């Protein structure tokens, strides 16, 4: 993991007023790294002129909607 990620995590925790144990901090660093990797995939998506909505509609609820 990038050493800068540790600084990011420390800054976020300090801003939130949290002081987790070193073991918890290491877990957060791992999660942060995974999160950033997933964001890279999203940012790399070629959406052309597609409009991106800021909501999530699970497959089950879309199946219940009437056709347009």
PDB file of N, CA and C in Angstrom:
ATOM      1  N   UNK A   1       0.839  -1.173   0.000  1.00  0.00           N
ATOM      2  CA  UNK A   1       0.000   0.000   0.000  1.00  0.00           C
ATOM      3  C   UNK A   1       0.886   1.238   0.000  1.00  0.00           C
ATOM      4  N   UNK A   2       0.420   2.253  -0.641  1.00  0.00           N
ATOM      5  CA  UNK A   2       1.112   3.527  -0.719  1.00  0.00           C
ATOM      6  C   UNK A   2       1.244   4.114   0.686  1.00  0.00           C
ATOM      7  N   UNK A   3       2.433   4.632   1.024  1.00  0.00           N
ATOM      8  CA  UNK A   3       2.617   5.200   2.363  1.00  0.00           C
ATOM      9  C   UNK A   3       1.734   6.419   2.579  1.00  0.00           C
ATOM     10  N   UNK A   4       1.344   7.080   1.493  1.00  0.00           N
ATOM     11  CA  UNK A   4       0.442   8.216   1.601  1.00  0.00           C
ATOM     12  C   UNK A   4      -0.928   7.820   2.110  1.00  0.00           C
ATOM     13  N   UNK A   5      -1.323   6.565   1.849  1.00  0.00           N
ATOM     14  CA  UNK A   5      -2.625   6.100   2.331  1.00  0.00           C
ATOM     15  C   UNK A   5      -2.671   6.106   3.851  1.00  0.00           C
ATOM     16  N   UNK A   6      -1.569   5.754   4.478  1.00  0.00           N
ATOM     17  CA  UNK A   6      -1.510   5.780   5.941  1.00  0.00           C
ATOM     18  C   UNK A   6      -1.721   7.180   6.471  1.00  0.00           C
ATOM     19  N   UNK A   7      -1.164   8.162   5.774  1.00  0.00           N
ATOM     20  CA  UNK A   7      -1.353   9.556   6.174  1.00  0.00           C
ATOM     21  C   UNK A   7      -2.800   9.984   5.967  1.00  0.00           C
ATOM     22  N   UNK A   8      -3.413   9.514   4.852  1.00  0.00           N
ATOM     23  CA  UNK A   8      -4.823   9.823   4.603  1.00  0.00           C
ATOM     24  C   UNK A   8      -5.704   9.280   5.718  1.00  0.00           C
ATOM     25  N   UNK A   9      -5.475   8.024   6.060  1.00  0.00           N
ATOM     26  CA  UNK A   9      -6.263   7.379   7.116  1.00  0.00           C
ATOM     27  C   UNK A   9      -6.082   8.121   8.438  1.00  0.00           C
ATOM     28  N   UNK A  10      -4.838   8.450   8.776  1.00  0.00           N
ATOM     29  CA  UNK A  10      -4.570   9.154  10.029  1.00  0.00           C
ATOM     30  C   UNK A  10      -5.277  10.501  10.071  1.00  0.00           C
ATOM     31  N   UNK A  11      -5.253  11.227   8.955  1.00  0.00           N
ATOM     32  CA  UNK A  11      -5.910  12.532   8.902  1.00  0.00           C
ATOM     33  C   UNK A  11      -7.420  12.393   9.051  1.00  0.00           C
ATOM     34  N   UNK A  12      -8.008  11.406   8.383  1.00  0.00           N
ATOM     35  CA  UNK A  12      -9.457  11.197   8.484  1.00  0.00           C
ATOM     36  C   UNK A  12      -9.862  10.803   9.906  1.00  0.00           C
ATOM     37  N   UNK A  13      -9.084   9.925  10.512  1.00  0.00           N
ATOM     38  CA  UNK A  13      -9.393   9.503  11.884  1.00  0.00           C
ATOM     39  C   UNK A  13      -9.267  10.668  12.856  1.00  0.00           C
ATOM     40  N   UNK A  14      -8.220  11.459  12.684  1.00  0.00           N
ATOM     41  CA  UNK A  14      -8.024  12.612  13.577  1.00  0.00           C
ATOM     42  C   UNK A  14      -9.159  13.612  13.412  1.00  0.00           C
ATOM     43  N   UNK A  15      -9.569  13.845  12.177  1.00  0.00           N
ATOM     44  CA  UNK A  15     -10.655  14.802  11.932  1.00  0.00           C
ATOM     45  C   UNK A  15     -11.959  14.320  12.572  1.00  0.00           C
ATOM     46  N   UNK A  16     -12.164  13.000  12.578  1.00  0.00           N
ATOM     47  CA  UNK A  16     -13.374  12.437  13.168  1.00  0.00           C
ATOM     48  C   UNK A  16     -13.257  12.294  14.685  1.00  0.00           C
ATOM     49  N   UNK A  17     -12.078  12.566  15.217  1.00  0.00           N
ATOM     50  CA  UNK A  17     -11.880  12.441  16.660  1.00  0.00           C
ATOM     51  C   UNK A  17     -11.778  11.003  17.126  1.00  0.00           C
ATOM     52  N   UNK A  18     -11.334  10.113  16.233  1.00  0.00           N
ATOM     53  CA  UNK A  18     -11.225   8.694  16.560  1.00  0.00           C
ATOM     54  C   UNK A  18      -9.772   8.307  16.785  1.00  0.00           C
ATOM     55  N   UNK A  19      -9.564   7.370  17.685  1.00  0.00           N
ATOM     56  CA  UNK A  19      -8.222   6.874  17.977  1.00  0.00           C
ATOM     57  C   UNK A  19      -8.273   5.352  18.079  1.00  0.00           C
ATOM     58  N   UNK A  20      -8.395   4.661  16.933  1.00  0.00           N
ATOM     59  CA  UNK A  20      -8.458   3.196  16.974  1.00  0.00           C
ATOM     60  C   UNK A  20      -7.104   2.592  17.340  1.00  0.00           C
ATOM     61  N   UNK A  21      -7.149   1.344  17.698  1.00  0.00           N
ATOM     62  CA  UNK A  21      -5.914   0.635  18.022  1.00  0.00           C
ATOM     63  C   UNK A  21      -5.072   0.499  16.750  1.00  0.00           C
ATOM     64  N   UNK A  22      -3.777   0.250  16.911  1.00  0.00           N
ATOM     65  CA  UNK A  22      -2.931   0.055  15.724  1.00  0.00           C
ATOM     66  C   UNK A  22      -3.432  -1.082  14.823  1.00  0.00           C
ATOM     67  N   UNK A  23      -3.972  -2.138  15.410  1.00  0.00           N
ATOM     68  CA  UNK A  23      -4.490  -3.260  14.613  1.00  0.00           C
ATOM     69  C   UNK A  23      -5.696  -2.811  13.790  1.00  0.00           C
ATOM     70  N   UNK A  24      -6.578  -2.039  14.413  1.00  0.00           N
ATOM     71  CA  UNK A  24      -7.746  -1.528  13.685  1.00  0.00           C
ATOM     72  C   UNK A  24      -7.323  -0.567  12.583  1.00  0.00           C
ATOM     73  N   UNK A  25      -6.319   0.242  12.866  1.00  0.00           N
ATOM     74  CA  UNK A  25      -5.820   1.182  11.862  1.00  0.00           C
ATOM     75  C   UNK A  25      -5.259   0.427  10.655  1.00  0.00           C
ATOM     76  N   UNK A  26      -4.561  -0.660  10.897  1.00  0.00           N
ATOM     77  CA  UNK A  26      -4.025  -1.464   9.793  1.00  0.00           C
ATOM     78  C   UNK A  26      -5.158  -2.059   8.956  1.00  0.00           C
ATOM     79  N   UNK A  27      -6.221  -2.490   9.607  1.00  0.00           N
ATOM     80  CA  UNK A  27      -7.374  -3.009   8.868  1.00  0.00           C
ATOM     81  C   UNK A  27      -8.005  -1.914   8.027  1.00  0.00           C
ATOM     82  N   UNK A  28      -8.109  -0.726   8.583  1.00  0.00           N
ATOM     83  CA  UNK A  28      -8.672   0.397   7.836  1.00  0.00           C
ATOM     84  C   UNK A  28      -7.812   0.735   6.627  1.00  0.00           C
ATOM     85  N   UNK A  29      -6.507   0.655   6.775  1.00  0.00           N
ATOM     86  CA  UNK A  29      -5.602   0.925   5.654  1.00  0.00           C
ATOM     87  C   UNK A  29      -5.842  -0.069   4.519  1.00  0.00           C
ATOM     88  N   UNK A  30      -6.041  -1.343   4.876  1.00  0.00           N
ATOM     89  CA  UNK A  30      -6.299  -2.367   3.856  1.00  0.00           C
ATOM     90  C   UNK A  30      -7.629  -2.094   3.156  1.00  0.00           C
ATOM     91  N   UNK A  31      -8.635  -1.755   3.912  1.00  0.00           N
ATOM     92  CA  UNK A  31      -9.955  -1.456   3.345  1.00  0.00           C
ATOM     93  C   UNK A  31      -9.860  -0.219   2.445  1.00  0.00           C
ATOM     94  N   UNK A  32      -9.126   0.781   2.891  1.00  0.00           N
ATOM     95  CA  UNK A  32      -8.947   2.013   2.121  1.00  0.00           C
ATOM     96  C   UNK A  32      -8.294   1.703   0.764  1.00  0.00           C
ATOM     97  N   UNK A  33      -7.288   0.838   0.781  1.00  0.00           N
ATOM     98  CA  UNK A  33      -6.618   0.453  -0.461  1.00  0.00           C
ATOM     99  C   UNK A  33      -7.571  -0.239  -1.423  1.00  0.00           C
ATOM    100  N   UNK A  34      -8.394  -1.151  -0.915  1.00  0.00           N
ATOM    101  CA  UNK A  34      -9.383  -1.838  -1.750  1.00  0.00           C
ATOM    102  C   UNK A  34     -10.399  -0.850  -2.314  1.00  0.00           C
ATOM    103  N   UNK A  35     -10.831   0.075  -1.493  1.00  0.00           N
ATOM    104  CA  UNK A  35     -11.799   1.096  -1.897  1.00  0.00           C
ATOM    105  C   UNK A  35     -11.228   1.942  -3.035  1.00  0.00           C
ATOM    106  N   UNK A  36      -9.984   2.357  -2.905  1.00  0.00           N
ATOM    107  CA  UNK A  36      -9.357   3.176  -3.945  1.00  0.00           C
ATOM    108  C   UNK A  36      -9.216   2.406  -5.255  1.00  0.00           C
ATOM    109  N   UNK A  37      -8.912   1.118  -5.171  1.00  0.00           N
ATOM    110  CA  UNK A  37      -8.809   0.301  -6.382  1.00  0.00           C
ATOM    111  C   UNK A  37     -10.153   0.221  -7.098  1.00  0.00           C
ATOM    112  N   UNK A  38     -11.215   0.071  -6.348  1.00  0.00           N
ATOM    113  CA  UNK A  38     -12.556   0.020  -6.951  1.00  0.00           C
ATOM    114  C   UNK A  38     -12.936   1.357  -7.565  1.00  0.00           C
ATOM    115  N   UNK A  39     -12.535   2.445  -6.906  1.00  0.00           N
ATOM    116  CA  UNK A  39     -12.808   3.765  -7.465  1.00  0.00           C
ATOM    117  C   UNK A  39     -12.079   3.970  -8.789  1.00  0.00           C
ATOM    118  N   UNK A  40     -10.867   3.436  -8.893  1.00  0.00           N
ATOM    119  CA  UNK A  40     -10.117   3.542 -10.152  1.00  0.00           C
ATOM    120  C   UNK A  40     -10.898   2.879 -11.279  1.00  0.00           C
ATOM    121  N   UNK A  41     -11.508   1.726 -11.001  1.00  0.00           N
ATOM    122  CA  UNK A  41     -12.316   1.043 -12.013  1.00  0.00           C
ATOM    123  C   UNK A  41     -13.514   1.889 -12.429  1.00  0.00           C
ATOM    124  N   UNK A  42     -14.169   2.500 -11.465  1.00  0.00           N
ATOM    125  CA  UNK A  42     -15.316   3.351 -11.777  1.00  0.00           C
ATOM    126  C   UNK A  42     -14.902   4.572 -12.593  1.00  0.00           C
ATOM    127  N   UNK A  43     -13.791   5.164 -12.223  1.00  0.00           N
ATOM    128  CA  UNK A  43     -13.320   6.351 -12.946  1.00  0.00           C
ATOM    129  C   UNK A  43     -12.874   6.004 -14.361  1.00  0.00           C
ATOM    130  N   UNK A  44     -12.428   4.773 -14.562  1.00  0.00           N
ATOM    131  CA  UNK A  44     -11.951   4.362 -15.876  1.00  0.00           C
ATOM    132  C   UNK A  44     -13.085   3.948 -16.813  1.00  0.00           C
ATOM    133  N   UNK A  45     -14.295   3.815 -16.293  1.00  0.00           N
ATOM    134  CA  UNK A  45     -15.426   3.383 -17.118  1.00  0.00           C
ATOM    135  C   UNK A  45     -15.696   4.401 -18.216  1.00  0.00           C
ATOM    136  N   UNK A  46     -15.811   3.915 -19.441  1.00  0.00           N
ATOM    137  CA  UNK A  46     -16.083   4.788 -20.585  1.00  0.00           C
ATOM    138  C   UNK A  46     -17.597   4.874 -20.754  1.00  0.00           C
ATOM    139  N   UNK A  47     -18.180   5.968 -20.286  1.00  0.00           N
ATOM    140  CA  UNK A  47     -19.629   6.119 -20.317  1.00  0.00           C
ATOM    141  C   UNK A  47     -20.108   7.007 -21.460  1.00  0.00           C
ATOM    142  N   UNK A  48     -19.178   7.477 -22.276  1.00  0.00           N
ATOM    143  CA  UNK A  48     -19.519   8.371 -23.386  1.00  0.00           C
ATOM    144  C   UNK A  48     -20.462   9.466 -22.900  1.00  0.00           C
ATOM    145  N   UNK A  49     -21.636   9.534 -23.495  1.00  0.00           N
ATOM    146  CA  UNK A  49     -22.599  10.576 -23.142  1.00  0.00           C
ATOM    147  C   UNK A  49     -23.655  10.096 -22.147  1.00  0.00           C
ATOM    148  N   UNK A  50     -23.439   8.933 -21.556  1.00  0.00           N
ATOM    149  CA  UNK A  50     -24.399   8.404 -20.590  1.00  0.00           C
ATOM    150  C   UNK A  50     -24.469   9.331 -19.378  1.00  0.00           C
ATOM    151  N   UNK A  51     -25.666   9.536 -18.889  1.00  0.00           N
ATOM    152  CA  UNK A  51     -25.841  10.315 -17.676  1.00  0.00           C
ATOM    153  C   UNK A  51     -25.813   9.349 -16.501  1.00  0.00           C
ATOM    154  N   UNK A  52     -25.046   9.690 -15.511  1.00  0.00           N
ATOM    155  CA  UNK A  52     -24.898   8.826 -14.351  1.00  0.00           C
ATOM    156  C   UNK A  52     -25.807   9.340 -13.247  1.00  0.00           C
ATOM    157  N   UNK A  53     -26.661   8.463 -12.743  1.00  0.00           N
ATOM    158  CA  UNK A  53     -27.579   8.830 -11.663  1.00  0.00           C
ATOM    159  C   UNK A  53     -26.913   8.594 -10.319  1.00  0.00           C
ATOM    160  N   UNK A  54     -27.237   9.392  -9.362  1.00  0.00           N
ATOM    161  CA  UNK A  54     -26.687   9.254  -8.025  1.00  0.00           C
ATOM    162  C   UNK A  54     -27.562   8.420  -7.122  1.00  0.00           C
ATOM    163  N   UNK A  55     -28.070   7.298  -7.644  1.00  0.00           N
ATOM    164  CA  UNK A  55     -28.909   6.425  -6.841  1.00  0.00           C
ATOM    165  C   UNK A  55     -28.679   4.971  -7.227  1.00  0.00           C
ATOM    166  N   UNK A  56     -29.140   4.092  -6.382  1.00  0.00           N
ATOM    167  CA  UNK A  56     -28.984   2.663  -6.603  1.00  0.00           C
ATOM    168  C   UNK A  56     -30.359   2.020  -6.603  1.00  0.00           C
ATOM    169  N   UNK A  57     -30.659   1.283  -7.661  1.00  0.00           N
ATOM    170  CA  UNK A  57     -31.930   0.578  -7.746  1.00  0.00           C
ATOM    171  C   UNK A  57     -31.611  -0.916  -7.886  1.00  0.00           C
ATOM    172  N   UNK A  58     -31.864  -1.692  -6.849  1.00  0.00           N
ATOM    173  CA  UNK A  58     -31.578  -3.122  -6.924  1.00  0.00           C
ATOM    174  C   UNK A  58     -32.398  -3.796  -8.028  1.00  0.00           C
ATOM    175  N   UNK A  59     -31.906  -4.897  -8.533  1.00  0.00           N
ATOM    176  CA  UNK A  59     -32.550  -5.615  -9.634  1.00  0.00           C
ATOM    177  C   UNK A  59     -33.988  -6.001  -9.293  1.00  0.00           C
ATOM    178  N   UNK A  60     -34.250  -6.394  -8.052  1.00  0.00           N
ATOM    179  CA  UNK A  60     -35.600  -6.834  -7.700  1.00  0.00           C
ATOM    180  C   UNK A  60     -36.619  -5.712  -7.890  1.00  0.00           C
ATOM    181  N   UNK A  61     -36.271  -4.494  -7.475  1.00  0.00           N
ATOM    182  CA  UNK A  61     -37.248  -3.407  -7.582  1.00  0.00           C
ATOM    183  C   UNK A  61     -37.441  -2.984  -9.036  1.00  0.00           C
ATOM    184  N   UNK A  62     -36.415  -3.110  -9.860  1.00  0.00           N
ATOM    185  CA  UNK A  62     -36.576  -2.779 -11.274  1.00  0.00           C
ATOM    186  C   UNK A  62     -37.472  -3.775 -11.968  1.00  0.00           C
ATOM    187  N   UNK A  63     -37.446  -5.019 -11.535  1.00  0.00           N
ATOM    188  CA  UNK A  63     -38.283  -6.055 -12.141  1.00  0.00           C
ATOM    189  C   UNK A  63     -39.758  -5.789 -11.852  1.00  0.00           C
ATOM    190  N   UNK A  64     -40.062  -5.109 -10.763  1.00  0.00           N
ATOM    191  CA  UNK A  64     -41.444  -4.838 -10.382  1.00  0.00           C
ATOM    192  C   UNK A  64     -42.010  -3.608 -11.073  1.00  0.00           C
ATOM    193  N   UNK A  65     -41.161  -2.775 -11.641  1.00  0.00           N
ATOM    194  CA  UNK A  65     -41.632  -1.563 -12.293  1.00  0.00           C
ATOM    195  C   UNK A  65     -42.308  -1.903 -13.628  1.00  0.00           C
ATOM    196  N   UNK A  66     -43.367  -1.175 -13.958  1.00  0.00           N
ATOM    197  CA  UNK A  66     -44.010  -1.426 -15.259  1.00  0.00           C
ATOM    198  C   UNK A  66     -43.104  -0.940 -16.390  1.00  0.00           C
ATOM    199  N   UNK A  67     -43.215  -1.545 -17.556  1.00  0.00           N
ATOM    200  CA  UNK A  67     -42.378  -1.122 -18.677  1.00  0.00           C
ATOM    201  C   UNK A  67     -42.742   0.321 -19.103  1.00  0.00           C
ATOM    202  N   UNK A  68     -41.789   1.064 -19.646  1.00  0.00           N
ATOM    203  CA  UNK A  68     -42.051   2.461 -20.007  1.00  0.00           C
ATOM    204  C   UNK A  68     -43.014   2.598 -21.170  1.00  0.00           C
TER     205      UNK A  68
END
